[in-house]
């Protein structure tokens, strides 16, 4: 009986998650503007690959708005605060006014997404 109890305790110890993050990690987008040595009128914006990987896609946000907009899926995807998302769901998208504003912001790229938008649409 003690062996079974000891085996069960050992199995529970192995099954329990042992590592948790002790602090939240925030990912930020870093952009640098570089000037061309030959032609100083042109400026090129360079993005790091890690920053581009964390950027959100406008196409995905638009599809989420169209198919799951009533559940604020586009807002969850773009990183809006949870309490605004819940309010969006309860008020039916601010009687569809917030939903239209979100659509315009997503299309124009002005939605304040965490990590920014990728340059391509899809």
N, C-alpha and C. Protein backbone atom coordinates (compact mmCIF):
# COMPACT_ATOMS: atom_id res chain seq x y z
N UNK A 1 0.82 -1.19 0.00
CA UNK A 1 0.00 0.00 0.00
C UNK A 1 0.87 1.26 0.00
N UNK A 2 1.97 1.23 0.79
CA UNK A 2 2.84 2.39 0.84
C UNK A 2 3.54 2.60 -0.51
N UNK A 3 3.86 1.50 -1.17
CA UNK A 3 4.52 1.61 -2.45
C UNK A 3 3.62 2.28 -3.49
N UNK A 4 2.33 1.91 -3.49
CA UNK A 4 1.39 2.52 -4.42
C UNK A 4 1.22 4.00 -4.13
N UNK A 5 1.14 4.35 -2.87
CA UNK A 5 1.00 5.74 -2.48
C UNK A 5 2.25 6.54 -2.86
N UNK A 6 3.41 5.95 -2.66
CA UNK A 6 4.66 6.60 -3.03
C UNK A 6 4.76 6.74 -4.56
N UNK A 7 4.34 5.75 -5.31
CA UNK A 7 4.34 5.81 -6.76
C UNK A 7 3.36 6.87 -7.27
N UNK A 8 2.20 6.97 -6.66
CA UNK A 8 1.23 7.99 -7.03
C UNK A 8 1.77 9.39 -6.75
N UNK A 9 2.40 9.59 -5.62
CA UNK A 9 2.99 10.87 -5.28
C UNK A 9 4.10 11.25 -6.26
N UNK A 10 4.91 10.27 -6.64
CA UNK A 10 5.98 10.51 -7.60
C UNK A 10 5.41 10.90 -8.96
N UNK A 11 4.34 10.22 -9.39
CA UNK A 11 3.71 10.53 -10.68
C UNK A 11 3.10 11.93 -10.65
N UNK A 12 2.47 12.31 -9.55
CA UNK A 12 1.91 13.66 -9.45
C UNK A 12 3.00 14.72 -9.45
N UNK A 13 4.11 14.42 -8.83
CA UNK A 13 5.23 15.36 -8.81
C UNK A 13 5.80 15.57 -10.22
N UNK A 14 5.88 14.50 -10.99
CA UNK A 14 6.38 14.61 -12.35
C UNK A 14 5.38 15.31 -13.28
N UNK A 15 4.09 15.14 -13.01
CA UNK A 15 3.06 15.72 -13.87
C UNK A 15 2.86 17.22 -13.61
N UNK A 16 3.23 17.68 -12.45
CA UNK A 16 3.01 19.09 -12.10
C UNK A 16 4.00 19.97 -12.86
N UNK A 17 3.52 21.10 -13.39
CA UNK A 17 4.44 22.02 -14.06
C UNK A 17 5.40 22.64 -13.05
N UNK A 18 6.64 22.72 -13.44
CA UNK A 18 7.65 23.16 -12.46
C UNK A 18 8.22 24.53 -12.77
N UNK A 19 8.03 25.05 -13.96
CA UNK A 19 8.64 26.34 -14.27
C UNK A 19 7.57 27.35 -14.66
N UNK A 20 7.59 28.47 -13.99
CA UNK A 20 6.69 29.56 -14.28
C UNK A 20 7.53 30.82 -14.45
N UNK A 21 7.08 31.69 -15.31
CA UNK A 21 7.77 32.97 -15.47
C UNK A 21 7.46 33.84 -14.26
N UNK A 22 8.48 34.43 -13.71
CA UNK A 22 8.28 35.24 -12.52
C UNK A 22 7.92 36.68 -12.85
N UNK A 23 8.00 37.06 -14.13
CA UNK A 23 7.65 38.41 -14.55
C UNK A 23 7.19 38.37 -16.00
N UNK A 24 6.29 39.26 -16.38
CA UNK A 24 5.85 39.26 -17.78
C UNK A 24 6.92 39.85 -18.69
N UNK A 25 7.04 39.28 -19.86
CA UNK A 25 8.02 39.74 -20.84
C UNK A 25 7.28 40.51 -21.92
N UNK A 26 7.68 41.74 -22.16
CA UNK A 26 7.06 42.57 -23.17
C UNK A 26 7.95 42.60 -24.41
N UNK A 27 7.37 42.39 -25.57
CA UNK A 27 8.10 42.45 -26.82
C UNK A 27 7.84 43.81 -27.46
N UNK A 28 8.89 44.48 -27.85
CA UNK A 28 8.74 45.80 -28.46
C UNK A 28 9.27 45.77 -29.88
N UNK A 29 8.69 46.60 -30.72
CA UNK A 29 9.12 46.72 -32.11
C UNK A 29 10.16 47.82 -32.20
N UNK A 30 11.28 47.49 -32.81
CA UNK A 30 12.36 48.45 -32.96
C UNK A 30 12.52 48.75 -34.43
N UNK A 31 12.46 50.01 -34.79
CA UNK A 31 12.69 50.38 -36.18
C UNK A 31 13.82 51.40 -36.22
N UNK A 32 14.60 51.30 -37.26
CA UNK A 32 15.72 52.21 -37.45
C UNK A 32 15.60 52.84 -38.82
N UNK A 33 15.93 54.09 -38.92
CA UNK A 33 15.92 54.77 -40.20
C UNK A 33 17.35 54.96 -40.65
N UNK A 34 17.65 54.48 -41.85
CA UNK A 34 19.00 54.58 -42.39
C UNK A 34 18.96 55.43 -43.65
N UNK A 35 19.97 56.20 -43.85
CA UNK A 35 20.04 57.02 -45.06
C UNK A 35 21.04 56.39 -46.02
N UNK A 36 20.73 56.49 -47.28
CA UNK A 36 21.58 55.94 -48.32
C UNK A 36 22.75 56.90 -48.55
N UNK A 37 23.96 56.38 -48.62
CA UNK A 37 25.14 57.22 -48.79
C UNK A 37 25.17 57.88 -50.18
N UNK A 38 24.66 57.17 -51.20
CA UNK A 38 24.72 57.69 -52.56
C UNK A 38 23.69 58.79 -52.77
N UNK A 39 22.46 58.50 -52.37
CA UNK A 39 21.38 59.46 -52.56
C UNK A 39 20.76 59.74 -51.20
N UNK A 40 21.05 60.89 -50.63
CA UNK A 40 20.61 61.18 -49.27
C UNK A 40 19.14 61.57 -49.21
N UNK A 41 18.46 61.71 -50.35
CA UNK A 41 17.04 62.04 -50.35
C UNK A 41 16.17 60.85 -49.98
N UNK A 42 16.65 59.64 -50.22
CA UNK A 42 15.87 58.44 -49.93
C UNK A 42 16.21 57.93 -48.54
N UNK A 43 15.17 57.59 -47.78
CA UNK A 43 15.35 56.98 -46.47
C UNK A 43 14.72 55.61 -46.48
N UNK A 44 15.40 54.66 -45.87
CA UNK A 44 14.93 53.30 -45.81
C UNK A 44 14.69 52.93 -44.35
N UNK A 45 13.53 52.34 -44.07
CA UNK A 45 13.25 51.89 -42.71
C UNK A 45 13.59 50.42 -42.60
N UNK A 46 14.43 50.08 -41.64
CA UNK A 46 14.86 48.71 -41.43
C UNK A 46 14.20 48.17 -40.17
N UNK A 47 13.74 46.92 -40.24
CA UNK A 47 13.14 46.27 -39.10
C UNK A 47 13.92 45.01 -38.77
N UNK A 48 14.03 44.71 -37.50
CA UNK A 48 14.72 43.49 -37.12
C UNK A 48 13.79 42.30 -37.37
N UNK A 49 14.32 41.12 -37.66
CA UNK A 49 13.46 39.95 -37.90
C UNK A 49 12.61 39.59 -36.69
N UNK A 50 13.13 39.79 -35.49
CA UNK A 50 12.35 39.49 -34.30
C UNK A 50 11.16 40.43 -34.17
N UNK A 51 11.35 41.69 -34.53
CA UNK A 51 10.25 42.65 -34.46
C UNK A 51 9.19 42.33 -35.50
N UNK A 52 9.61 41.91 -36.69
CA UNK A 52 8.64 41.55 -37.72
C UNK A 52 7.87 40.29 -37.35
N UNK A 53 8.50 39.36 -36.64
CA UNK A 53 7.80 38.15 -36.23
C UNK A 53 6.73 38.45 -35.21
N UNK A 54 6.92 39.48 -34.40
CA UNK A 54 5.94 39.84 -33.40
C UNK A 54 4.85 40.75 -33.91
N UNK A 55 4.98 41.23 -35.14
CA UNK A 55 3.98 42.13 -35.71
C UNK A 55 2.72 41.36 -36.10
N UNK A 56 1.60 42.04 -36.05
CA UNK A 56 0.31 41.44 -36.38
C UNK A 56 -0.02 41.70 -37.85
N UNK A 57 -0.76 40.79 -38.45
CA UNK A 57 -1.13 40.89 -39.85
C UNK A 57 -2.47 41.60 -39.98
N UNK A 58 -2.55 42.56 -40.90
CA UNK A 58 -3.79 43.26 -41.15
C UNK A 58 -4.83 42.31 -41.74
N UNK A 59 -4.40 41.41 -42.59
CA UNK A 59 -5.32 40.47 -43.22
C UNK A 59 -5.99 39.55 -42.21
N UNK A 60 -5.21 39.04 -41.28
CA UNK A 60 -5.78 38.17 -40.24
C UNK A 60 -6.74 38.96 -39.38
N UNK A 61 -6.38 40.20 -39.03
CA UNK A 61 -7.26 41.03 -38.22
C UNK A 61 -8.57 41.32 -38.95
N UNK A 62 -8.48 41.56 -40.26
CA UNK A 62 -9.68 41.83 -41.05
C UNK A 62 -10.58 40.61 -41.14
N UNK A 63 -9.98 39.43 -41.33
CA UNK A 63 -10.78 38.20 -41.37
C UNK A 63 -11.44 37.91 -40.02
N UNK A 64 -10.71 38.15 -38.95
CA UNK A 64 -11.29 37.96 -37.62
C UNK A 64 -12.43 38.95 -37.39
N UNK A 65 -12.28 40.18 -37.86
CA UNK A 65 -13.34 41.17 -37.72
C UNK A 65 -14.59 40.71 -38.47
N UNK A 66 -14.40 40.18 -39.67
CA UNK A 66 -15.53 39.80 -40.51
C UNK A 66 -16.26 38.58 -39.96
N UNK A 67 -15.52 37.53 -39.58
CA UNK A 67 -16.15 36.28 -39.18
C UNK A 67 -16.46 36.20 -37.68
N UNK A 68 -15.61 36.76 -36.83
CA UNK A 68 -15.80 36.65 -35.38
C UNK A 68 -15.81 38.01 -34.70
N UNK A 69 -16.25 39.03 -35.42
CA UNK A 69 -16.25 40.38 -34.88
C UNK A 69 -17.16 40.56 -33.68
N UNK A 70 -18.26 39.82 -33.63
CA UNK A 70 -19.18 39.92 -32.50
C UNK A 70 -18.57 39.43 -31.19
N UNK A 71 -17.56 38.59 -31.29
CA UNK A 71 -16.87 38.10 -30.09
C UNK A 71 -15.57 38.86 -29.84
N UNK A 72 -15.38 39.96 -30.57
CA UNK A 72 -14.21 40.82 -30.43
C UNK A 72 -12.91 40.07 -30.69
N UNK A 73 -12.95 39.11 -31.60
CA UNK A 73 -11.75 38.31 -31.88
C UNK A 73 -10.63 39.16 -32.44
N UNK A 74 -10.95 40.14 -33.26
CA UNK A 74 -9.92 41.01 -33.83
C UNK A 74 -9.26 41.84 -32.74
N UNK A 75 -10.03 42.24 -31.74
CA UNK A 75 -9.48 43.03 -30.64
C UNK A 75 -8.58 42.17 -29.75
N UNK A 76 -8.98 40.91 -29.50
CA UNK A 76 -8.13 40.01 -28.71
C UNK A 76 -6.82 39.77 -29.47
N UNK A 77 -6.91 39.56 -30.79
CA UNK A 77 -5.73 39.28 -31.60
C UNK A 77 -4.77 40.46 -31.61
N UNK A 78 -5.30 41.67 -31.68
CA UNK A 78 -4.46 42.85 -31.77
C UNK A 78 -3.98 43.35 -30.42
N UNK A 79 -4.40 42.72 -29.34
CA UNK A 79 -3.85 43.02 -28.03
C UNK A 79 -4.53 44.14 -27.28
N UNK A 80 -5.82 44.36 -27.52
CA UNK A 80 -6.55 45.36 -26.74
C UNK A 80 -6.72 44.86 -25.32
N UNK A 81 -6.90 45.77 -24.35
CA UNK A 81 -7.12 45.33 -22.97
C UNK A 81 -8.39 44.50 -22.85
N UNK A 82 -8.37 43.52 -21.96
CA UNK A 82 -9.48 42.58 -21.85
C UNK A 82 -10.78 43.26 -21.45
N UNK A 83 -10.70 44.29 -20.61
CA UNK A 83 -11.94 44.93 -20.14
C UNK A 83 -12.62 45.69 -21.27
N UNK A 84 -11.86 46.26 -22.21
CA UNK A 84 -12.47 46.91 -23.37
C UNK A 84 -13.08 45.87 -24.30
N UNK A 85 -12.45 44.71 -24.41
CA UNK A 85 -12.99 43.64 -25.25
C UNK A 85 -14.29 43.11 -24.69
N UNK A 86 -14.36 42.94 -23.39
CA UNK A 86 -15.60 42.47 -22.76
C UNK A 86 -16.70 43.51 -22.95
N UNK A 87 -16.38 44.78 -22.79
CA UNK A 87 -17.36 45.85 -23.01
C UNK A 87 -17.82 45.86 -24.46
N UNK A 88 -16.91 45.60 -25.38
CA UNK A 88 -17.25 45.52 -26.80
C UNK A 88 -18.27 44.41 -27.04
N UNK A 89 -18.08 43.26 -26.39
CA UNK A 89 -18.99 42.13 -26.56
C UNK A 89 -20.35 42.44 -25.95
N UNK A 90 -20.36 43.00 -24.74
CA UNK A 90 -21.62 43.27 -24.04
C UNK A 90 -22.46 44.31 -24.79
N UNK A 91 -21.83 45.34 -25.33
CA UNK A 91 -22.57 46.41 -26.00
C UNK A 91 -22.76 46.16 -27.49
N UNK A 92 -22.47 44.92 -27.93
CA UNK A 92 -22.60 44.54 -29.34
C UNK A 92 -21.80 45.46 -30.23
N UNK A 93 -20.56 45.67 -29.86
CA UNK A 93 -19.66 46.50 -30.65
C UNK A 93 -20.04 47.96 -30.59
N UNK A 94 -20.51 48.40 -29.40
CA UNK A 94 -20.95 49.80 -29.28
C UNK A 94 -22.08 50.08 -30.25
N UNK A 95 -23.04 49.13 -30.31
CA UNK A 95 -24.14 49.18 -31.29
C UNK A 95 -23.61 49.32 -32.70
N UNK A 96 -22.56 48.57 -32.98
CA UNK A 96 -21.90 48.42 -34.27
C UNK A 96 -21.08 49.65 -34.67
N UNK A 97 -21.08 50.69 -33.85
CA UNK A 97 -20.30 51.89 -34.17
C UNK A 97 -18.82 51.62 -33.94
N UNK A 98 -18.47 51.01 -32.79
CA UNK A 98 -17.07 50.67 -32.52
C UNK A 98 -16.55 49.68 -33.56
N UNK A 99 -17.43 48.77 -33.99
CA UNK A 99 -17.01 47.77 -34.97
C UNK A 99 -16.62 48.44 -36.29
N UNK A 100 -17.40 49.42 -36.73
CA UNK A 100 -17.07 50.13 -37.96
C UNK A 100 -15.78 50.92 -37.79
N UNK A 101 -15.60 51.55 -36.64
CA UNK A 101 -14.37 52.30 -36.37
C UNK A 101 -13.17 51.35 -36.36
N UNK A 102 -13.33 50.16 -35.76
CA UNK A 102 -12.26 49.17 -35.77
C UNK A 102 -11.93 48.73 -37.19
N UNK A 103 -12.96 48.54 -38.02
CA UNK A 103 -12.74 48.14 -39.41
C UNK A 103 -11.94 49.20 -40.15
N UNK A 104 -12.30 50.45 -39.98
CA UNK A 104 -11.57 51.53 -40.66
C UNK A 104 -10.13 51.59 -40.16
N UNK A 105 -9.95 51.44 -38.84
CA UNK A 105 -8.59 51.48 -38.28
C UNK A 105 -7.74 50.31 -38.75
N UNK A 106 -8.34 49.14 -38.90
CA UNK A 106 -7.58 47.98 -39.37
C UNK A 106 -7.19 48.16 -40.83
N UNK A 107 -8.11 48.64 -41.66
CA UNK A 107 -7.82 48.81 -43.08
C UNK A 107 -6.74 49.86 -43.30
N UNK A 108 -6.83 50.98 -42.56
CA UNK A 108 -5.85 52.05 -42.74
C UNK A 108 -4.54 51.78 -42.00
N UNK A 109 -4.51 50.79 -41.11
CA UNK A 109 -3.30 50.47 -40.36
C UNK A 109 -3.10 51.36 -39.15
N UNK A 110 -4.14 52.06 -38.71
CA UNK A 110 -4.05 52.96 -37.56
C UNK A 110 -4.45 52.31 -36.24
N UNK A 111 -4.87 51.04 -36.27
CA UNK A 111 -5.27 50.38 -35.03
C UNK A 111 -4.05 50.21 -34.14
N UNK A 112 -4.14 50.59 -32.88
CA UNK A 112 -2.95 50.50 -32.00
C UNK A 112 -2.66 49.06 -31.58
N UNK A 113 -2.15 48.26 -32.49
CA UNK A 113 -1.85 46.86 -32.21
C UNK A 113 -0.53 46.76 -31.46
N UNK A 114 -0.47 45.85 -30.51
CA UNK A 114 0.79 45.59 -29.81
C UNK A 114 1.74 44.93 -30.78
N UNK A 115 2.93 45.49 -30.94
CA UNK A 115 3.90 44.94 -31.86
C UNK A 115 3.80 45.53 -33.25
N UNK A 116 2.76 46.32 -33.51
CA UNK A 116 2.60 46.96 -34.82
C UNK A 116 2.05 46.00 -35.86
N UNK A 117 1.82 46.53 -37.06
CA UNK A 117 1.32 45.73 -38.17
C UNK A 117 2.48 45.37 -39.09
N UNK A 118 2.34 44.23 -39.76
CA UNK A 118 3.28 43.87 -40.81
C UNK A 118 2.99 44.73 -42.02
N UNK A 119 3.96 44.89 -42.88
CA UNK A 119 3.80 45.78 -44.02
C UNK A 119 2.87 45.19 -45.09
N UNK A 120 2.81 43.87 -45.21
CA UNK A 120 1.93 43.27 -46.21
C UNK A 120 0.55 43.07 -45.63
N UNK A 121 -0.45 43.01 -46.50
CA UNK A 121 -1.84 42.93 -46.04
C UNK A 121 -2.22 41.54 -45.59
N UNK A 122 -1.78 40.48 -46.29
CA UNK A 122 -2.09 39.11 -45.87
C UNK A 122 -0.85 38.37 -45.56
